[in-house]
Structure formats: C-alpha cells, structure tokens
Amino acid sequence: MKEGVHPRYFNNCKVFHNGQVVMTVGATVPELHVEVWSGSHPFFTGKHTFVDAAGRVEKFQRKYAGDYFSKSKKA
C-alpha cells in the first residue's frame, strides 16, 4: 500500500444502538452510532409499530366519519 493515501482502518469498529454494542465490523472510524439496524427494524423483527404523527389518523377519521361517502355530490 502506498503510504499517506489510505485512511486508517479499524478492524474492530464497535457499532452502537441505544448505547449497547450490537456488532463489530471493520471501518475507518473506531465507533459507529446507528439509529436503526436489522435487530431493531420492523421488517426483520416482524414487530410492526403504529406511529401517529400529530393526530393525523384522528383528523382523517373525524373528516370522513358518519355518512360522508353516502352523500351525493352535486356538480
């Protein structure tokens, strides 16, 4: 390898998720802090969580509640 061209490589880079080491990999940094990894992602775990952003579901339900769809629209 040519000297001074390549970045420093860490064979035991620790990957942290929620403050816990979840795996070690090779990388150019000594530590990686991730928000999502395969052990916490719903696609891989099969646990789906429902996230309501600022009451949008309730707003939709109020808007289209009752006989909204049975009303005929006049042109």
C-alpha atoms as a PDB file:
ATOM      1  CA  MET A   1       0.000   0.000   0.000  1.00  0.00           C
ATOM      2  CA  LYS A   2       1.112   3.489  -0.704  1.00  0.00           C
ATOM      3  CA  GLU A   3       1.877   5.478   2.461  1.00  0.00           C
ATOM      4  CA  GLY A   4      -0.270   8.517   3.335  1.00  0.00           C
ATOM      5  CA  VAL A   5      -3.007   7.812   0.767  1.00  0.00           C
ATOM      6  CA  HIS A   6      -5.292   5.362   2.529  1.00  0.00           C
ATOM      7  CA  PRO A   7      -7.337   6.195   5.647  1.00  0.00           C
ATOM      8  CA  ARG A   8      -6.659   4.416   8.914  1.00  0.00           C
ATOM      9  CA  TYR A   9      -8.620   1.153   9.152  1.00  0.00           C
ATOM     10  CA  PHE A  10     -10.078  -0.195  12.405  1.00  0.00           C
ATOM     11  CA  ASN A  11     -10.650  -3.964  12.331  1.00  0.00           C
ATOM     12  CA  ASN A  12     -12.798  -3.919  15.487  1.00  0.00           C
ATOM     13  CA  CYS A  13     -15.114  -0.947  14.965  1.00  0.00           C
ATOM     14  CA  LYS A  14     -17.937  -1.192  17.518  1.00  0.00           C
ATOM     15  CA  VAL A  15     -21.470  -0.497  16.282  1.00  0.00           C
ATOM     16  CA  PHE A  16     -23.713   1.013  18.980  1.00  0.00           C
ATOM     17  CA  HIS A  17     -27.519   1.048  19.018  1.00  0.00           C
ATOM     18  CA  ASN A  18     -29.237   2.685  22.031  1.00  0.00           C
ATOM     19  CA  GLY A  19     -25.962   2.669  23.948  1.00  0.00           C
ATOM     20  CA  GLN A  20     -25.314  -1.057  23.505  1.00  0.00           C
ATOM     21  CA  VAL A  21     -22.748  -2.720  21.264  1.00  0.00           C
ATOM     22  CA  VAL A  22     -24.666  -4.756  18.701  1.00  0.00           C
ATOM     23  CA  MET A  23     -21.798  -5.885  16.467  1.00  0.00           C
ATOM     24  CA  THR A  24     -18.226  -5.224  15.444  1.00  0.00           C
ATOM     25  CA  VAL A  25     -17.179  -4.535  11.879  1.00  0.00           C
ATOM     26  CA  GLY A  26     -14.205  -3.174  10.003  1.00  0.00           C
ATOM     27  CA  ALA A  27     -14.417   0.553   9.263  1.00  0.00           C
ATOM     28  CA  THR A  28     -12.444   3.784   9.025  1.00  0.00           C
ATOM     29  CA  VAL A  29     -13.808   5.035  12.368  1.00  0.00           C
ATOM     30  CA  PRO A  30     -13.414   3.394  15.798  1.00  0.00           C
ATOM     31  CA  GLU A  31     -17.140   3.656  16.732  1.00  0.00           C
ATOM     32  CA  LEU A  32     -20.417   3.856  14.815  1.00  0.00           C
ATOM     33  CA  HIS A  33     -23.667   5.017  16.420  1.00  0.00           C
ATOM     34  CA  VAL A  34     -26.755   3.948  14.470  1.00  0.00           C
ATOM     35  CA  GLU A  35     -30.465   4.611  14.945  1.00  0.00           C
ATOM     36  CA  VAL A  36     -31.718   1.569  13.026  1.00  0.00           C
ATOM     37  CA  TRP A  37     -30.153  -1.826  12.486  1.00  0.00           C
ATOM     38  CA  SER A  38     -31.543  -5.187  11.415  1.00  0.00           C
ATOM     39  CA  GLY A  39     -32.155  -6.274  15.019  1.00  0.00           C
ATOM     40  CA  SER A  40     -34.486  -3.328  15.657  1.00  0.00           C
ATOM     41  CA  HIS A  41     -36.087  -2.759  12.239  1.00  0.00           C
ATOM     42  CA  PRO A  42     -39.717  -3.978  11.942  1.00  0.00           C
ATOM     43  CA  PHE A  43     -39.045  -5.605   8.567  1.00  0.00           C
ATOM     44  CA  PHE A  44     -36.551  -8.018  10.115  1.00  0.00           C
ATOM     45  CA  THR A  45     -38.146  -8.467  13.551  1.00  0.00           C
ATOM     46  CA  GLY A  46     -41.757  -8.831  12.390  1.00  0.00           C
ATOM     47  CA  LYS A  47     -42.936  -6.385  15.073  1.00  0.00           C
ATOM     48  CA  HIS A  48     -44.798  -3.544  13.432  1.00  0.00           C
ATOM     49  CA  THR A  49     -45.436  -0.384  15.421  1.00  0.00           C
ATOM     50  CA  PHE A  50     -48.034   2.202  14.526  1.00  0.00           C
ATOM     51  CA  VAL A  51     -46.799   5.775  14.621  1.00  0.00           C
ATOM     52  CA  ASP A  52     -49.379   8.563  14.519  1.00  0.00           C
ATOM     53  CA  ALA A  53     -47.802  11.838  13.504  1.00  0.00           C
ATOM     54  CA  ALA A  54     -49.594  14.667  15.316  1.00  0.00           C
ATOM     55  CA  GLY A  55     -53.083  13.136  15.375  1.00  0.00           C
ATOM     56  CA  ARG A  56     -53.455  12.715  11.621  1.00  0.00           C
ATOM     57  CA  VAL A  57     -55.388   9.476  11.977  1.00  0.00           C
ATOM     58  CA  GLU A  58     -57.948  11.099  14.274  1.00  0.00           C
ATOM     59  CA  LYS A  59     -58.243  14.071  11.919  1.00  0.00           C
ATOM     60  CA  PHE A  60     -58.917  11.729   8.995  1.00  0.00           C
ATOM     61  CA  GLN A  61     -61.476   9.760  10.993  1.00  0.00           C
ATOM     62  CA  ARG A  62     -63.315  12.938  12.050  1.00  0.00           C
ATOM     63  CA  LYS A  63     -63.357  14.257   8.484  1.00  0.00           C
ATOM     64  CA  TYR A  64     -64.740  11.089   6.932  1.00  0.00           C
ATOM     65  CA  ALA A  65     -66.911   9.904   9.838  1.00  0.00           C
ATOM     66  CA  GLY A  66     -70.588   9.179   9.527  1.00  0.00           C
ATOM     67  CA  ASP A  67     -72.303   9.170   6.150  1.00  0.00           C
ATOM     68  CA  TYR A  68     -69.684  11.194   4.273  1.00  0.00           C
ATOM     69  CA  PHE A  69     -69.392   8.695   1.426  1.00  0.00           C
ATOM     70  CA  SER A  70     -73.154   8.139   1.080  1.00  0.00           C
ATOM     71  CA  LYS A  71     -73.775  11.808   0.272  1.00  0.00           C
ATOM     72  CA  SER A  72     -74.181  12.514  -3.439  1.00  0.00           C
ATOM     73  CA  LYS A  73     -72.032  15.283  -4.818  1.00  0.00           C
ATOM     74  CA  LYS A  74     -73.817  17.929  -6.823  1.00  0.00           C
ATOM     75  CA  ALA A  75     -71.996  19.338  -9.801  1.00  0.00           C
END
